[in-house]
Amino acid sequence: MLGSNHTSQGLNIIADYPGLSTEIRWLISAFGGIIMCKLAYEFTGIFTPFVFRGFIKLNNAQKLEWKNRGFSTFHALFVAIGSVYLLLVSDLFNEEFFIKRRSTLSDTILGMSCGYFLSDVAMIIWAYPTLGGLEYVLHHGLSLYSIMQSVLTGEAEFYIFMVLFTEITTPFVNLRWHLDVAGMKSSKLYLWNGIAMFVGWLVARIVLFVFFFYHIYNHIDQVRQIKNAAFYSLHTIPPVLAVMNLFWFFKIAKGMIRTLRKKKTQ
């Protein structure tokens, strides 16, 4: 566990640049996130043929989604690692009054995450419905609104990072799609990835959300001190995301059960 000097330094960096507004810092970080997505997108297209030669035979829509899922996976790992560090390693949110705690690092990670959601929503709309339906636009829109609001107000970043950690399940979802397109649905890797996706989703998107609501209930006095818009968002958007997670969880569970039954009959 790092000492309080680390957190203080992170908080003081913000005050060291009084001429740089929160909005400008957010725009710079969001732009950095867009560049990150673009680089990951292009790298995926260059690197993939070396590990999967069939990539060049895919149609344009499949190549587009393959590369889109490439930067989706990169963002998921980026924010999951950042969330673990800020929530468990750093002492940023360890103080009793945590609801308005923030640092340059936390603001930067959230800003870059905004850049990802902006990039992904733009691609979903541009290629609609190739990369997903309206449920993905809704999910990304709600996530983007929540993150922007937290960065611009400096409130409830603790809870935003708790929700962002749920992105840790995304690499398993993307790998499942990649293996399917690569014709590897009968492989052991596909089976074990499906089991890992089920367990990961259960822990990160179901159990963690239960803890999320429990934590808010136990710290409602602090939650009531944030601005009205943020307060109501914290009580409306996470429940919507939780319902969507439950819906997708049942689909994942049905798919895993169906795959396991096929394995038994073979």
C-alpha atoms as a PDB file:
ATOM      1  CA  MET A   1       0.000   0.000   0.000  1.00  0.00           C
ATOM      2  CA  LEU A   2       1.363   3.366  -1.010  1.00  0.00           C
ATOM      3  CA  GLY A   3       1.641   6.209   1.446  1.00  0.00           C
ATOM      4  CA  SER A   4      -0.448   9.347   1.519  1.00  0.00           C
ATOM      5  CA  ASN A   5       2.303  11.350  -0.177  1.00  0.00           C
ATOM      6  CA  HIS A   6       1.495   9.651  -3.470  1.00  0.00           C
ATOM      7  CA  THR A   7      -2.149  10.713  -3.302  1.00  0.00           C
ATOM      8  CA  SER A   8      -1.330  14.230  -2.191  1.00  0.00           C
ATOM      9  CA  GLN A   9       1.078  14.597  -5.074  1.00  0.00           C
ATOM     10  CA  GLY A  10      -1.557  13.470  -7.532  1.00  0.00           C
ATOM     11  CA  LEU A  11      -4.078  15.918  -6.118  1.00  0.00           C
ATOM     12  CA  ASN A  12      -1.609  18.795  -6.048  1.00  0.00           C
ATOM     13  CA  ILE A  13      -0.717  18.390  -9.713  1.00  0.00           C
ATOM     14  CA  ILE A  14      -4.215  19.585 -10.559  1.00  0.00           C
ATOM     15  CA  ALA A  15      -3.741  22.748  -8.529  1.00  0.00           C
ATOM     16  CA  ASP A  16      -0.321  23.383 -10.089  1.00  0.00           C
ATOM     17  CA  TYR A  17      -1.938  24.290 -13.423  1.00  0.00           C
ATOM     18  CA  PRO A  18      -4.671  26.805 -12.570  1.00  0.00           C
ATOM     19  CA  GLY A  19      -4.816  28.025 -16.173  1.00  0.00           C
ATOM     20  CA  LEU A  20      -5.823  24.588 -17.445  1.00  0.00           C
ATOM     21  CA  SER A  21      -9.519  24.083 -16.829  1.00  0.00           C
ATOM     22  CA  THR A  22     -11.140  20.758 -16.036  1.00  0.00           C
ATOM     23  CA  GLU A  23     -12.894  20.837 -19.402  1.00  0.00           C
ATOM     24  CA  ILE A  24      -9.611  21.307 -21.283  1.00  0.00           C
ATOM     25  CA  ARG A  25      -7.960  18.503 -19.315  1.00  0.00           C
ATOM     26  CA  TRP A  26     -10.902  16.256 -20.145  1.00  0.00           C
ATOM     27  CA  LEU A  27     -10.703  17.116 -23.851  1.00  0.00           C
ATOM     28  CA  ILE A  28      -6.962  16.381 -23.938  1.00  0.00           C
ATOM     29  CA  SER A  29      -7.434  13.028 -22.181  1.00  0.00           C
ATOM     30  CA  ALA A  30     -10.411  12.102 -24.377  1.00  0.00           C
ATOM     31  CA  PHE A  31      -8.400  12.913 -27.495  1.00  0.00           C
ATOM     32  CA  GLY A  32      -5.611  10.716 -26.106  1.00  0.00           C
ATOM     33  CA  GLY A  33      -8.153   7.920 -25.679  1.00  0.00           C
ATOM     34  CA  ILE A  34      -9.276   8.285 -29.307  1.00  0.00           C
ATOM     35  CA  ILE A  35      -5.646   8.104 -30.478  1.00  0.00           C
ATOM     36  CA  MET A  36      -5.148   5.032 -28.268  1.00  0.00           C
ATOM     37  CA  CYS A  37      -8.130   3.335 -29.936  1.00  0.00           C
ATOM     38  CA  LYS A  38      -6.920   4.244 -33.424  1.00  0.00           C
ATOM     39  CA  LEU A  39      -3.453   2.827 -32.754  1.00  0.00           C
ATOM     40  CA  ALA A  40      -4.873  -0.377 -31.225  1.00  0.00           C
ATOM     41  CA  TYR A  41      -7.273  -0.712 -34.179  1.00  0.00           C
ATOM     42  CA  GLU A  42      -4.471  -0.431 -36.750  1.00  0.00           C
ATOM     43  CA  PHE A  43      -2.098  -2.642 -34.750  1.00  0.00           C
ATOM     44  CA  THR A  44      -4.746  -5.368 -34.556  1.00  0.00           C
ATOM     45  CA  GLY A  45      -5.100  -5.324 -38.341  1.00  0.00           C
ATOM     46  CA  ILE A  46      -1.320  -5.563 -38.821  1.00  0.00           C
ATOM     47  CA  PHE A  47      -0.599  -8.156 -36.120  1.00  0.00           C
ATOM     48  CA  THR A  48      -3.536 -10.542 -36.602  1.00  0.00           C
ATOM     49  CA  PRO A  49      -2.426 -12.106 -39.948  1.00  0.00           C
ATOM     50  CA  PHE A  50       0.737 -13.346 -38.230  1.00  0.00           C
ATOM     51  CA  VAL A  51      -1.261 -15.438 -35.730  1.00  0.00           C
ATOM     52  CA  PHE A  52      -4.366 -16.144 -37.827  1.00  0.00           C
ATOM     53  CA  ARG A  53      -3.694 -16.446 -41.550  1.00  0.00           C
ATOM     54  CA  GLY A  54      -7.393 -16.778 -42.288  1.00  0.00           C
ATOM     55  CA  PHE A  55      -7.829 -13.109 -41.370  1.00  0.00           C
ATOM     56  CA  ILE A  56      -7.091 -11.984 -44.939  1.00  0.00           C
ATOM     57  CA  LYS A  57      -9.945 -14.197 -46.203  1.00  0.00           C
ATOM     58  CA  LEU A  58     -12.556 -12.588 -43.948  1.00  0.00           C
ATOM     59  CA  ASN A  59     -15.063 -10.221 -45.511  1.00  0.00           C
ATOM     60  CA  ASN A  60     -14.829  -6.492 -44.877  1.00  0.00           C
ATOM     61  CA  ALA A  61     -17.490  -6.501 -42.158  1.00  0.00           C
ATOM     62  CA  GLN A  62     -15.691  -9.260 -40.245  1.00  0.00           C
ATOM     63  CA  LYS A  63     -12.331  -7.496 -40.565  1.00  0.00           C
ATOM     64  CA  LEU A  64     -13.917  -4.284 -39.308  1.00  0.00           C
ATOM     65  CA  GLU A  65     -15.416  -5.979 -36.258  1.00  0.00           C
ATOM     66  CA  TRP A  66     -12.222  -7.966 -35.602  1.00  0.00           C
ATOM     67  CA  LYS A  67     -10.181  -4.762 -35.390  1.00  0.00           C
ATOM     68  CA  ASN A  68     -12.917  -2.968 -33.456  1.00  0.00           C
ATOM     69  CA  ARG A  69     -12.826  -5.719 -30.846  1.00  0.00           C
ATOM     70  CA  GLY A  70      -9.051  -5.326 -30.784  1.00  0.00           C
ATOM     71  CA  PHE A  71      -9.187  -1.808 -29.377  1.00  0.00           C
ATOM     72  CA  SER A  72     -12.151  -2.805 -27.222  1.00  0.00           C
ATOM     73  CA  THR A  73      -9.969  -5.445 -25.553  1.00  0.00           C
ATOM     74  CA  PHE A  74      -7.106  -2.987 -25.131  1.00  0.00           C
ATOM     75  CA  HIS A  75      -9.393  -0.428 -23.453  1.00  0.00           C
ATOM     76  CA  ALA A  76     -10.873  -3.094 -21.174  1.00  0.00           C
ATOM     77  CA  LEU A  77      -7.442  -4.147 -19.924  1.00  0.00           C
ATOM     78  CA  PHE A  78      -6.359  -0.509 -19.599  1.00  0.00           C
ATOM     79  CA  VAL A  79      -9.294   0.571 -17.410  1.00  0.00           C
ATOM     80  CA  ALA A  80      -9.392  -2.689 -15.429  1.00  0.00           C
ATOM     81  CA  ILE A  81      -5.732  -2.334 -14.450  1.00  0.00           C
ATOM     82  CA  GLY A  82      -6.227   1.371 -13.716  1.00  0.00           C
ATOM     83  CA  SER A  83      -9.283   0.609 -11.572  1.00  0.00           C
ATOM     84  CA  VAL A  84      -7.488  -2.079  -9.554  1.00  0.00           C
ATOM     85  CA  TYR A  85      -4.577   0.275  -8.942  1.00  0.00           C
ATOM     86  CA  LEU A  86      -6.701   3.226  -7.851  1.00  0.00           C
ATOM     87  CA  LEU A  87      -9.189   1.199  -5.797  1.00  0.00           C
ATOM     88  CA  LEU A  88      -6.871  -1.318  -4.120  1.00  0.00           C
ATOM     89  CA  VAL A  89      -3.233  -0.225  -4.435  1.00  0.00           C
ATOM     90  CA  SER A  90      -3.292   3.557  -4.298  1.00  0.00           C
ATOM     91  CA  ASP A  91      -4.616   5.254  -1.169  1.00  0.00           C
ATOM     92  CA  LEU A  92      -6.618   7.768  -3.208  1.00  0.00           C
ATOM     93  CA  PHE A  93      -9.998   6.581  -1.900  1.00  0.00           C
ATOM     94  CA  ASN A  94      -8.838   5.295   1.490  1.00  0.00           C
ATOM     95  CA  GLU A  95      -9.823   8.378   3.461  1.00  0.00           C
ATOM     96  CA  GLU A  96     -13.134   8.399   5.290  1.00  0.00           C
ATOM     97  CA  PHE A  97     -14.546  11.109   3.014  1.00  0.00           C
ATOM     98  CA  PHE A  98     -13.902   9.542  -0.409  1.00  0.00           C
ATOM     99  CA  ILE A  99     -16.852  10.729  -2.497  1.00  0.00           C
ATOM    100  CA  LYS A 100     -15.007  13.798  -3.834  1.00  0.00           C
ATOM    101  CA  ARG A 101     -11.505  12.358  -3.984  1.00  0.00           C
ATOM    102  CA  ARG A 102      -9.711  12.604  -7.327  1.00  0.00           C
ATOM    103  CA  SER A 103      -6.215  12.860  -8.813  1.00  0.00           C
ATOM    104  CA  THR A 104      -4.598  13.740 -12.108  1.00  0.00           C
ATOM    105  CA  LEU A 105      -4.147  10.036 -12.816  1.00  0.00           C
ATOM    106  CA  SER A 106      -7.795   9.189 -12.108  1.00  0.00           C
ATOM    107  CA  ASP A 107      -9.019  12.101 -14.238  1.00  0.00           C
ATOM    108  CA  THR A 108      -6.717  11.073 -17.086  1.00  0.00           C
ATOM    109  CA  ILE A 109      -7.863   7.447 -17.065  1.00  0.00           C
ATOM    110  CA  LEU A 110     -11.515   8.495 -17.051  1.00  0.00           C
ATOM    111  CA  GLY A 111     -10.898  11.009 -19.835  1.00  0.00           C
ATOM    112  CA  MET A 112      -9.195   8.384 -21.990  1.00  0.00           C
ATOM    113  CA  SER A 113     -12.067   6.002 -21.303  1.00  0.00           C
ATOM    114  CA  CYS A 114     -14.420   8.687 -22.616  1.00  0.00           C
ATOM    115  CA  GLY A 115     -12.313   8.729 -25.766  1.00  0.00           C
ATOM    116  CA  TYR A 116     -12.872   4.993 -26.146  1.00  0.00           C
ATOM    117  CA  PHE A 117     -16.640   5.186 -25.707  1.00  0.00           C
ATOM    118  CA  LEU A 118     -16.813   8.096 -28.175  1.00  0.00           C
ATOM    119  CA  SER A 119     -14.778   6.105 -30.708  1.00  0.00           C
ATOM    120  CA  ASP A 120     -16.798   2.931 -30.267  1.00  0.00           C
ATOM    121  CA  VAL A 121     -20.181   4.672 -30.433  1.00  0.00           C
ATOM    122  CA  ALA A 122     -19.077   6.483 -33.595  1.00  0.00           C
ATOM    123  CA  MET A 123     -18.064   3.173 -35.193  1.00  0.00           C
ATOM    124  CA  ILE A 124     -21.276   1.439 -34.075  1.00  0.00           C
ATOM    125  CA  ILE A 125     -23.411   4.187 -35.610  1.00  0.00           C
ATOM    126  CA  TRP A 126     -21.279   4.388 -38.759  1.00  0.00           C
ATOM    127  CA  ALA A 127     -21.367   0.619 -39.392  1.00  0.00           C
ATOM    128  CA  TYR A 128     -24.846   0.008 -37.901  1.00  0.00           C
ATOM    129  CA  PRO A 129     -25.940  -2.715 -37.294  1.00  0.00           C
ATOM    130  CA  THR A 130     -22.692  -4.608 -38.032  1.00  0.00           C
ATOM    131  CA  LEU A 131     -21.050  -3.850 -34.665  1.00  0.00           C
ATOM    132  CA  GLY A 132     -24.132  -4.082 -32.474  1.00  0.00           C
ATOM    133  CA  GLY A 133     -27.666  -2.870 -31.964  1.00  0.00           C
ATOM    134  CA  LEU A 134     -29.302  -0.115 -29.962  1.00  0.00           C
ATOM    135  CA  GLU A 135     -28.492  -1.849 -26.655  1.00  0.00           C
ATOM    136  CA  TYR A 136     -24.796  -1.152 -27.232  1.00  0.00           C
ATOM    137  CA  VAL A 137     -25.494   2.489 -28.075  1.00  0.00           C
ATOM    138  CA  LEU A 138     -27.536   2.747 -24.850  1.00  0.00           C
ATOM    139  CA  HIS A 139     -24.817   1.053 -22.777  1.00  0.00           C
ATOM    140  CA  HIS A 140     -22.040   3.238 -24.189  1.00  0.00           C
ATOM    141  CA  GLY A 141     -24.141   6.398 -23.988  1.00  0.00           C
ATOM    142  CA  LEU A 142     -24.962   5.884 -20.317  1.00  0.00           C
ATOM    143  CA  SER A 143     -21.334   4.991 -19.524  1.00  0.00           C
ATOM    144  CA  LEU A 144     -20.027   8.048 -21.378  1.00  0.00           C
ATOM    145  CA  TYR A 145     -22.464  10.378 -19.622  1.00  0.00           C
ATOM    146  CA  SER A 146     -21.580   8.998 -16.173  1.00  0.00           C
ATOM    147  CA  ILE A 147     -17.830   9.235 -16.729  1.00  0.00           C
ATOM    148  CA  MET A 148     -17.991  12.763 -18.176  1.00  0.00           C
ATOM    149  CA  GLN A 149     -20.130  13.944 -15.299  1.00  0.00           C
ATOM    150  CA  SER A 150     -17.732  12.469 -12.750  1.00  0.00           C
ATOM    151  CA  VAL A 151     -14.648  14.003 -14.388  1.00  0.00           C
ATOM    152  CA  LEU A 152     -16.180  17.449 -14.829  1.00  0.00           C
ATOM    153  CA  THR A 153     -17.568  17.606 -11.266  1.00  0.00           C
ATOM    154  CA  GLY A 154     -14.823  15.636  -9.509  1.00  0.00           C
ATOM    155  CA  GLU A 155     -17.447  13.586  -7.688  1.00  0.00           C
ATOM    156  CA  ALA A 156     -18.116   9.851  -7.264  1.00  0.00           C
ATOM    157  CA  GLU A 157     -14.988   8.730  -9.126  1.00  0.00           C
ATOM    158  CA  PHE A 158     -14.721   5.832  -6.676  1.00  0.00           C
ATOM    159  CA  TYR A 159     -17.994   4.378  -7.932  1.00  0.00           C
ATOM    160  CA  ILE A 160     -17.163   5.079 -11.577  1.00  0.00           C
ATOM    161  CA  PHE A 161     -13.973   3.040 -11.269  1.00  0.00           C
ATOM    162  CA  MET A 162     -15.867   0.246  -9.548  1.00  0.00           C
ATOM    163  CA  VAL A 163     -18.201   0.030 -12.546  1.00  0.00           C
ATOM    164  CA  LEU A 164     -15.349   0.413 -15.048  1.00  0.00           C
ATOM    165  CA  PHE A 165     -13.652  -2.626 -13.527  1.00  0.00           C
ATOM    166  CA  THR A 166     -16.495  -4.719 -14.956  1.00  0.00           C
ATOM    167  CA  GLU A 167     -14.848  -4.202 -18.359  1.00  0.00           C
ATOM    168  CA  ILE A 168     -12.476  -7.005 -17.310  1.00  0.00           C
ATOM    169  CA  THR A 169     -15.016  -9.412 -18.846  1.00  0.00           C
ATOM    170  CA  THR A 170     -14.740  -7.816 -22.297  1.00  0.00           C
ATOM    171  CA  PRO A 171     -11.567  -9.689 -23.424  1.00  0.00           C
ATOM    172  CA  PHE A 172     -13.357 -13.016 -22.848  1.00  0.00           C
ATOM    173  CA  VAL A 173     -16.379 -11.857 -24.857  1.00  0.00           C
ATOM    174  CA  ASN A 174     -14.150 -10.649 -27.700  1.00  0.00           C
ATOM    175  CA  LEU A 175     -12.045 -13.832 -27.705  1.00  0.00           C
ATOM    176  CA  ARG A 176     -15.227 -15.895 -27.963  1.00  0.00           C
ATOM    177  CA  TRP A 177     -16.210 -13.957 -31.091  1.00  0.00           C
ATOM    178  CA  HIS A 178     -12.695 -14.247 -32.554  1.00  0.00           C
ATOM    179  CA  LEU A 179     -12.616 -18.017 -32.021  1.00  0.00           C
ATOM    180  CA  ASP A 180     -16.071 -18.375 -33.557  1.00  0.00           C
ATOM    181  CA  VAL A 181     -15.082 -16.453 -36.692  1.00  0.00           C
ATOM    182  CA  ALA A 182     -11.811 -18.396 -36.873  1.00  0.00           C
ATOM    183  CA  GLY A 183     -13.767 -21.679 -36.962  1.00  0.00           C
ATOM    184  CA  MET A 184     -12.559 -22.835 -33.542  1.00  0.00           C
ATOM    185  CA  LYS A 185     -15.875 -23.347 -31.749  1.00  0.00           C
ATOM    186  CA  SER A 186     -15.029 -27.000 -31.172  1.00  0.00           C
ATOM    187  CA  SER A 187     -11.643 -26.247 -29.585  1.00  0.00           C
ATOM    188  CA  LYS A 188     -10.849 -26.592 -25.900  1.00  0.00           C
ATOM    189  CA  LEU A 189      -9.825 -22.937 -25.847  1.00  0.00           C
ATOM    190  CA  TYR A 190     -13.358 -21.951 -26.870  1.00  0.00           C
ATOM    191  CA  LEU A 191     -14.818 -24.093 -24.098  1.00  0.00           C
ATOM    192  CA  TRP A 192     -12.499 -22.851 -21.369  1.00  0.00           C
ATOM    193  CA  ASN A 193     -12.899 -19.255 -22.497  1.00  0.00           C
ATOM    194  CA  GLY A 194     -16.665 -19.673 -22.271  1.00  0.00           C
ATOM    195  CA  ILE A 195     -16.395 -20.982 -18.705  1.00  0.00           C
ATOM    196  CA  ALA A 196     -14.033 -18.124 -17.790  1.00  0.00           C
ATOM    197  CA  MET A 197     -16.457 -15.638 -19.348  1.00  0.00           C
ATOM    198  CA  PHE A 198     -19.345 -17.075 -17.313  1.00  0.00           C
ATOM    199  CA  VAL A 199     -17.404 -16.962 -14.024  1.00  0.00           C
ATOM    200  CA  GLY A 200     -15.935 -13.532 -14.782  1.00  0.00           C
ATOM    201  CA  TRP A 201     -19.332 -12.101 -15.664  1.00  0.00           C
ATOM    202  CA  LEU A 202     -20.881 -13.565 -12.517  1.00  0.00           C
ATOM    203  CA  VAL A 203     -18.191 -12.049 -10.290  1.00  0.00           C
ATOM    204  CA  ALA A 204     -17.512  -8.725 -12.045  1.00  0.00           C
ATOM    205  CA  ARG A 205     -20.948  -7.809 -13.373  1.00  0.00           C
ATOM    206  CA  ILE A 206     -23.364  -9.464 -10.956  1.00  0.00           C
ATOM    207  CA  VAL A 207     -21.727  -9.904  -7.539  1.00  0.00           C
ATOM    208  CA  LEU A 208     -19.731  -6.663  -7.833  1.00  0.00           C
ATOM    209  CA  PHE A 209     -22.889  -4.714  -8.673  1.00  0.00           C
ATOM    210  CA  VAL A 210     -24.566  -6.130  -5.565  1.00  0.00           C
ATOM    211  CA  PHE A 211     -21.599  -4.880  -3.533  1.00  0.00           C
ATOM    212  CA  PHE A 212     -21.792  -1.568  -5.422  1.00  0.00           C
ATOM    213  CA  PHE A 213     -25.375  -0.928  -4.279  1.00  0.00           C
ATOM    214  CA  TYR A 214     -24.581  -2.186  -0.780  1.00  0.00           C
ATOM    215  CA  HIS A 215     -21.651   0.242  -0.553  1.00  0.00           C
ATOM    216  CA  ILE A 216     -23.823   3.175  -1.635  1.00  0.00           C
ATOM    217  CA  TYR A 217     -26.417   2.222   0.975  1.00  0.00           C
ATOM    218  CA  ASN A 218     -23.762   2.125   3.723  1.00  0.00           C
ATOM    219  CA  HIS A 219     -22.314   5.503   2.656  1.00  0.00           C
ATOM    220  CA  ILE A 220     -25.516   7.297   1.753  1.00  0.00           C
ATOM    221  CA  ASP A 221     -24.551  10.301   3.928  1.00  0.00           C
ATOM    222  CA  GLN A 222     -21.585  10.981   1.652  1.00  0.00           C
ATOM    223  CA  VAL A 223     -23.535  10.233  -1.519  1.00  0.00           C
ATOM    224  CA  ARG A 224     -26.138  12.830  -0.538  1.00  0.00           C
ATOM    225  CA  GLN A 225     -23.443  15.523  -0.564  1.00  0.00           C
ATOM    226  CA  ILE A 226     -22.816  15.346  -4.316  1.00  0.00           C
ATOM    227  CA  LYS A 227     -24.666  17.503  -6.831  1.00  0.00           C
ATOM    228  CA  ASN A 228     -28.248  16.635  -7.747  1.00  0.00           C
ATOM    229  CA  ALA A 229     -27.456  15.504 -11.305  1.00  0.00           C
ATOM    230  CA  ALA A 230     -24.672  13.203 -10.140  1.00  0.00           C
ATOM    231  CA  PHE A 231     -26.793  11.947  -7.226  1.00  0.00           C
ATOM    232  CA  TYR A 232     -29.695  10.945  -9.453  1.00  0.00           C
ATOM    233  CA  SER A 233     -27.374   9.482 -12.091  1.00  0.00           C
ATOM    234  CA  LEU A 234     -25.767   7.297  -9.440  1.00  0.00           C
ATOM    235  CA  HIS A 235     -29.201   5.987  -8.505  1.00  0.00           C
ATOM    236  CA  THR A 236     -30.570   5.456 -12.031  1.00  0.00           C
ATOM    237  CA  ILE A 237     -27.780   4.574 -14.478  1.00  0.00           C
ATOM    238  CA  PRO A 238     -26.133   1.701 -12.503  1.00  0.00           C
ATOM    239  CA  PRO A 239     -29.502  -0.089 -12.063  1.00  0.00           C
ATOM    240  CA  VAL A 240     -30.075   0.124 -15.834  1.00  0.00           C
ATOM    241  CA  LEU A 241     -26.592  -1.287 -16.474  1.00  0.00           C
ATOM    242  CA  ALA A 242     -27.240  -4.002 -13.866  1.00  0.00           C
ATOM    243  CA  VAL A 243     -30.419  -5.089 -15.675  1.00  0.00           C
ATOM    244  CA  MET A 244     -28.534  -5.201 -18.982  1.00  0.00           C
ATOM    245  CA  ASN A 245     -25.780  -7.252 -17.312  1.00  0.00           C
ATOM    246  CA  LEU A 246     -28.362  -9.712 -15.995  1.00  0.00           C
ATOM    247  CA  PHE A 247     -29.918 -10.054 -19.442  1.00  0.00           C
ATOM    248  CA  TRP A 248     -26.537 -10.754 -21.052  1.00  0.00           C
ATOM    249  CA  PHE A 249     -25.586 -13.089 -18.178  1.00  0.00           C
ATOM    250  CA  PHE A 250     -28.555 -15.338 -18.862  1.00  0.00           C
ATOM    251  CA  LYS A 251     -27.606 -15.449 -22.543  1.00  0.00           C
ATOM    252  CA  ILE A 252     -24.014 -16.368 -21.605  1.00  0.00           C
ATOM    253  CA  ALA A 253     -25.254 -19.056 -19.195  1.00  0.00           C
ATOM    254  CA  LYS A 254     -27.549 -20.571 -21.839  1.00  0.00           C
ATOM    255  CA  GLY A 255     -24.714 -20.587 -24.362  1.00  0.00           C
ATOM    256  CA  MET A 256     -22.314 -22.254 -21.940  1.00  0.00           C
ATOM    257  CA  ILE A 257     -24.851 -24.928 -20.982  1.00  0.00           C
ATOM    258  CA  ARG A 258     -25.558 -25.614 -24.650  1.00  0.00           C
ATOM    259  CA  THR A 259     -21.808 -25.948 -25.386  1.00  0.00           C
ATOM    260  CA  LEU A 260     -21.235 -28.287 -22.419  1.00  0.00           C
ATOM    261  CA  ARG A 261     -24.126 -30.519 -23.513  1.00  0.00           C
ATOM    262  CA  LYS A 262     -22.649 -30.787 -26.993  1.00  0.00           C
ATOM    263  CA  LYS A 263     -19.298 -31.781 -25.520  1.00  0.00           C
ATOM    264  CA  LYS A 264     -20.961 -34.565 -23.496  1.00  0.00           C
ATOM    265  CA  THR A 265     -22.670 -36.035 -26.549  1.00  0.00           C
ATOM    266  CA  GLN A 266     -19.474 -36.095 -28.606  1.00  0.00           C
END
